C-alpha atoms as a PDB file:
ATOM      1  CA  GLN A   1     242.893 215.438 110.614  1.00  0.00           C
ATOM      2  CA  VAL A   2     244.993 212.379 111.310  1.00  0.00           C
ATOM      3  CA  GLN A   3     244.383 210.758 114.655  1.00  0.00           C
ATOM      4  CA  LEU A   4     245.832 207.624 116.231  1.00  0.00           C
ATOM      5  CA  VAL A   5     244.212 206.236 119.363  1.00  0.00           C
ATOM      6  CA  GLU A   6     245.820 203.454 121.375  1.00  0.00           C
ATOM      7  CA  SER A   7     243.821 201.149 123.619  1.00  0.00           C
ATOM      8  CA  GLY A   8     244.174 197.865 125.473  1.00  0.00           C
ATOM      9  CA  GLY A   9     246.635 198.877 128.145  1.00  0.00           C
ATOM     10  CA  GLY A  10     246.145 198.072 131.796  1.00  0.00           C
ATOM     11  CA  LEU A  11     247.450 196.172 134.775  1.00  0.00           C
ATOM     12  CA  VAL A  12     248.630 192.617 134.205  1.00  0.00           C
ATOM     13  CA  GLN A  13     250.570 190.123 136.293  1.00  0.00           C
ATOM     14  CA  PRO A  14     254.044 188.984 135.275  1.00  0.00           C
ATOM     15  CA  GLY A  15     253.763 186.231 132.701  1.00  0.00           C
ATOM     16  CA  GLY A  16     250.451 187.569 131.472  1.00  0.00           C
ATOM     17  CA  SER A  17     249.379 188.853 128.075  1.00  0.00           C
ATOM     18  CA  LEU A  18     247.855 191.978 126.610  1.00  0.00           C
ATOM     19  CA  ARG A  19     246.810 193.063 123.158  1.00  0.00           C
ATOM     20  CA  LEU A  20     247.233 196.713 122.314  1.00  0.00           C
ATOM     21  CA  SER A  21     245.250 198.287 119.478  1.00  0.00           C
ATOM     22  CA  CYS A  22     245.899 201.450 117.486  1.00  0.00           C
ATOM     23  CA  THR A  23     242.939 202.878 115.605  1.00  0.00           C
ATOM     24  CA  ALA A  24     243.709 205.345 112.831  1.00  0.00           C
ATOM     25  CA  SER A  25     241.340 207.946 111.439  1.00  0.00           C
ATOM     26  CA  GLY A  26     241.758 210.692 108.872  1.00  0.00           C
ATOM     27  CA  VAL A  27     244.304 208.604 106.987  1.00  0.00           C
ATOM     28  CA  THR A  28     244.560 205.325 105.091  1.00  0.00           C
ATOM     29  CA  ILE A  29     247.372 203.491 106.803  1.00  0.00           C
ATOM     30  CA  SER A  30     248.118 200.971 104.063  1.00  0.00           C
ATOM     31  CA  THR A  31     250.753 203.258 102.535  1.00  0.00           C
ATOM     32  CA  TYR A  32     252.447 203.894 105.864  1.00  0.00           C
ATOM     33  CA  GLY A  33     254.869 201.871 107.885  1.00  0.00           C
ATOM     34  CA  ALA A  34     253.747 201.455 111.491  1.00  0.00           C
ATOM     35  CA  SER A  35     255.497 200.934 114.770  1.00  0.00           C
ATOM     36  CA  TRP A  36     255.027 200.648 118.494  1.00  0.00           C
ATOM     37  CA  HIS A  37     257.278 202.489 120.911  1.00  0.00           C
ATOM     38  CA  ARG A  38     257.393 202.691 124.667  1.00  0.00           C
ATOM     39  CA  GLN A  39     258.636 205.146 127.217  1.00  0.00           C
ATOM     40  CA  GLY A  40     259.112 204.453 130.886  1.00  0.00           C
ATOM     41  CA  PRO A  41     259.427 207.138 133.603  1.00  0.00           C
ATOM     42  CA  GLY A  42     262.632 209.093 133.148  1.00  0.00           C
ATOM     43  CA  LEU A  43     263.591 207.068 130.100  1.00  0.00           C
ATOM     44  CA  GLU A  44     263.841 207.834 126.405  1.00  0.00           C
ATOM     45  CA  ARG A  45     261.187 206.556 124.058  1.00  0.00           C
ATOM     46  CA  GLU A  46     262.333 203.320 122.464  1.00  0.00           C
ATOM     47  CA  LEU A  47     261.242 201.368 119.419  1.00  0.00           C
ATOM     48  CA  VAL A  48     259.531 198.098 120.311  1.00  0.00           C
ATOM     49  CA  ALA A  49     258.413 196.770 116.929  1.00  0.00           C
ATOM     50  CA  SER A  50     257.745 197.951 113.397  1.00  0.00           C
ATOM     51  CA  ILE A  51     255.843 196.606 110.405  1.00  0.00           C
ATOM     52  CA  SER A  52     255.844 197.488 106.732  1.00  0.00           C
ATOM     53  CA  GLY A  53     252.804 198.869 104.960  1.00  0.00           C
ATOM     54  CA  SER A  54     251.943 195.503 103.476  1.00  0.00           C
ATOM     55  CA  GLY A  55     252.579 193.704 106.740  1.00  0.00           C
ATOM     56  CA  THR A  56     255.117 191.358 105.190  1.00  0.00           C
ATOM     57  CA  SER A  57     258.151 192.721 107.025  1.00  0.00           C
ATOM     58  CA  THR A  58     258.536 193.146 110.772  1.00  0.00           C
ATOM     59  CA  THR A  59     261.333 194.079 113.156  1.00  0.00           C
ATOM     60  CA  TYR A  60     261.580 193.803 116.924  1.00  0.00           C
ATOM     61  CA  ALA A  61     263.719 195.117 119.718  1.00  0.00           C
ATOM     62  CA  ASP A  62     265.905 192.386 121.195  1.00  0.00           C
ATOM     63  CA  SER A  63     264.159 192.798 124.534  1.00  0.00           C
ATOM     64  CA  VAL A  64     260.761 191.758 123.141  1.00  0.00           C
ATOM     65  CA  ARG A  65     261.603 189.429 120.255  1.00  0.00           C
ATOM     66  CA  GLY A  66     259.808 186.122 120.658  1.00  0.00           C
ATOM     67  CA  ARG A  67     257.326 187.595 123.151  1.00  0.00           C
ATOM     68  CA  PHE A  68     255.656 190.429 121.204  1.00  0.00           C
ATOM     69  CA  THR A  69     254.020 190.349 117.784  1.00  0.00           C
ATOM     70  CA  ILE A  70     253.118 193.380 115.689  1.00  0.00           C
ATOM     71  CA  LEU A  71     250.201 193.002 113.308  1.00  0.00           C
ATOM     72  CA  ARG A  72     248.133 195.240 111.103  1.00  0.00           C
ATOM     73  CA  ASP A  73     244.736 195.175 109.430  1.00  0.00           C
ATOM     74  CA  ASN A  74     244.743 197.695 106.604  1.00  0.00           C
ATOM     75  CA  VAL A  75     241.051 197.133 105.901  1.00  0.00           C
ATOM     76  CA  ALA A  76     240.159 198.046 109.476  1.00  0.00           C
ATOM     77  CA  ASN A  77     242.863 200.756 109.520  1.00  0.00           C
ATOM     78  CA  MET A  78     244.349 199.308 112.690  1.00  0.00           C
ATOM     79  CA  VAL A  79     247.690 198.207 114.084  1.00  0.00           C
ATOM     80  CA  TYR A  80     248.097 195.770 116.957  1.00  0.00           C
ATOM     81  CA  LEU A  81     250.761 194.699 119.421  1.00  0.00           C
ATOM     82  CA  GLU A  82     250.258 191.298 120.991  1.00  0.00           C
ATOM     83  CA  MET A  83     252.345 190.991 124.132  1.00  0.00           C
ATOM     84  CA  THR A  84     252.947 187.719 125.952  1.00  0.00           C
ATOM     85  CA  SER A  85     255.169 186.582 128.830  1.00  0.00           C
ATOM     86  CA  LEU A  86     255.091 190.113 130.149  1.00  0.00           C
ATOM     87  CA  LYS A  87     257.755 191.214 132.602  1.00  0.00           C
ATOM     88  CA  PRO A  88     257.784 194.088 135.093  1.00  0.00           C
ATOM     89  CA  GLU A  89     260.359 195.841 132.906  1.00  0.00           C
ATOM     90  CA  ASP A  90     257.787 195.973 130.100  1.00  0.00           C
ATOM     91  CA  SER A  91     255.820 198.495 132.153  1.00  0.00           C
ATOM     92  CA  SER A  92     255.652 201.700 130.100  1.00  0.00           C
ATOM     93  CA  VAL A  93     253.420 203.972 128.146  1.00  0.00           C
ATOM     94  CA  TYR A  94     253.093 202.420 124.701  1.00  0.00           C
ATOM     95  CA  TYR A  95     252.741 204.634 121.656  1.00  0.00           C
ATOM     96  CA  CYS A  96     251.627 203.883 118.119  1.00  0.00           C
ATOM     97  CA  LYS A  97     253.267 205.642 115.159  1.00  0.00           C
ATOM     98  CA  ILE A  98     252.695 205.620 111.419  1.00  0.00           C
ATOM     99  CA  PHE A  99     255.304 206.991 109.043  1.00  0.00           C
ATOM    100  CA  LYS A 100     256.455 207.454 105.469  1.00  0.00           C
ATOM    101  CA  LEU A 101     258.998 209.679 103.717  1.00  0.00           C
ATOM    102  CA  GLY A 102     259.487 212.034 106.654  1.00  0.00           C
ATOM    103  CA  GLU A 103     255.796 212.273 107.439  1.00  0.00           C
ATOM    104  CA  TYR A 104     254.767 210.727 110.721  1.00  0.00           C
ATOM    105  CA  TYR A 105     252.002 210.735 113.297  1.00  0.00           C
ATOM    106  CA  TRP A 106     251.914 209.630 116.924  1.00  0.00           C
ATOM    107  CA  GLY A 107     249.155 208.521 119.213  1.00  0.00           C
ATOM    108  CA  LYS A 108     248.921 209.707 122.804  1.00  0.00           C
ATOM    109  CA  GLY A 109     249.772 206.366 124.335  1.00  0.00           C
ATOM    110  CA  THR A 110     248.297 203.687 126.549  1.00  0.00           C
ATOM    111  CA  LEU A 111     249.744 202.659 129.909  1.00  0.00           C
ATOM    112  CA  VAL A 112     250.850 199.097 130.529  1.00  0.00           C
ATOM    113  CA  THR A 113     251.731 198.077 134.071  1.00  0.00           C
ATOM    114  CA  VAL A 114     253.137 194.633 134.782  1.00  0.00           C
ATOM    115  CA  SER A 115     253.016 193.917 138.475  1.00  0.00           C
ATOM    116  CA  SER A 116     251.901 191.299 140.956  1.00  0.00           C
END
């Protein structure tokens, strides 16, 4: 059974940093692309960043480019999202996803709140 578990969310002040982790089990993620998404209250889920299976290719939403970094460790079967210069509008539930050829799995999310 494939399971993705996000962790690392919490309350942080504007300008602060957080590192989100996504731990995968029941699957070897090296053959999957991976991505982080977020969904705020009353909003649609949006793509934040994605990374290829090898980790050599990444993409970012315009709103986070230069502030967030997506990383992966295929040996540890984990995906990370390093977030810096956080803004109140970054407050959301953040979800991890792995995907390939129409097959995909989601985690249940971790809450990030940016507030003073």
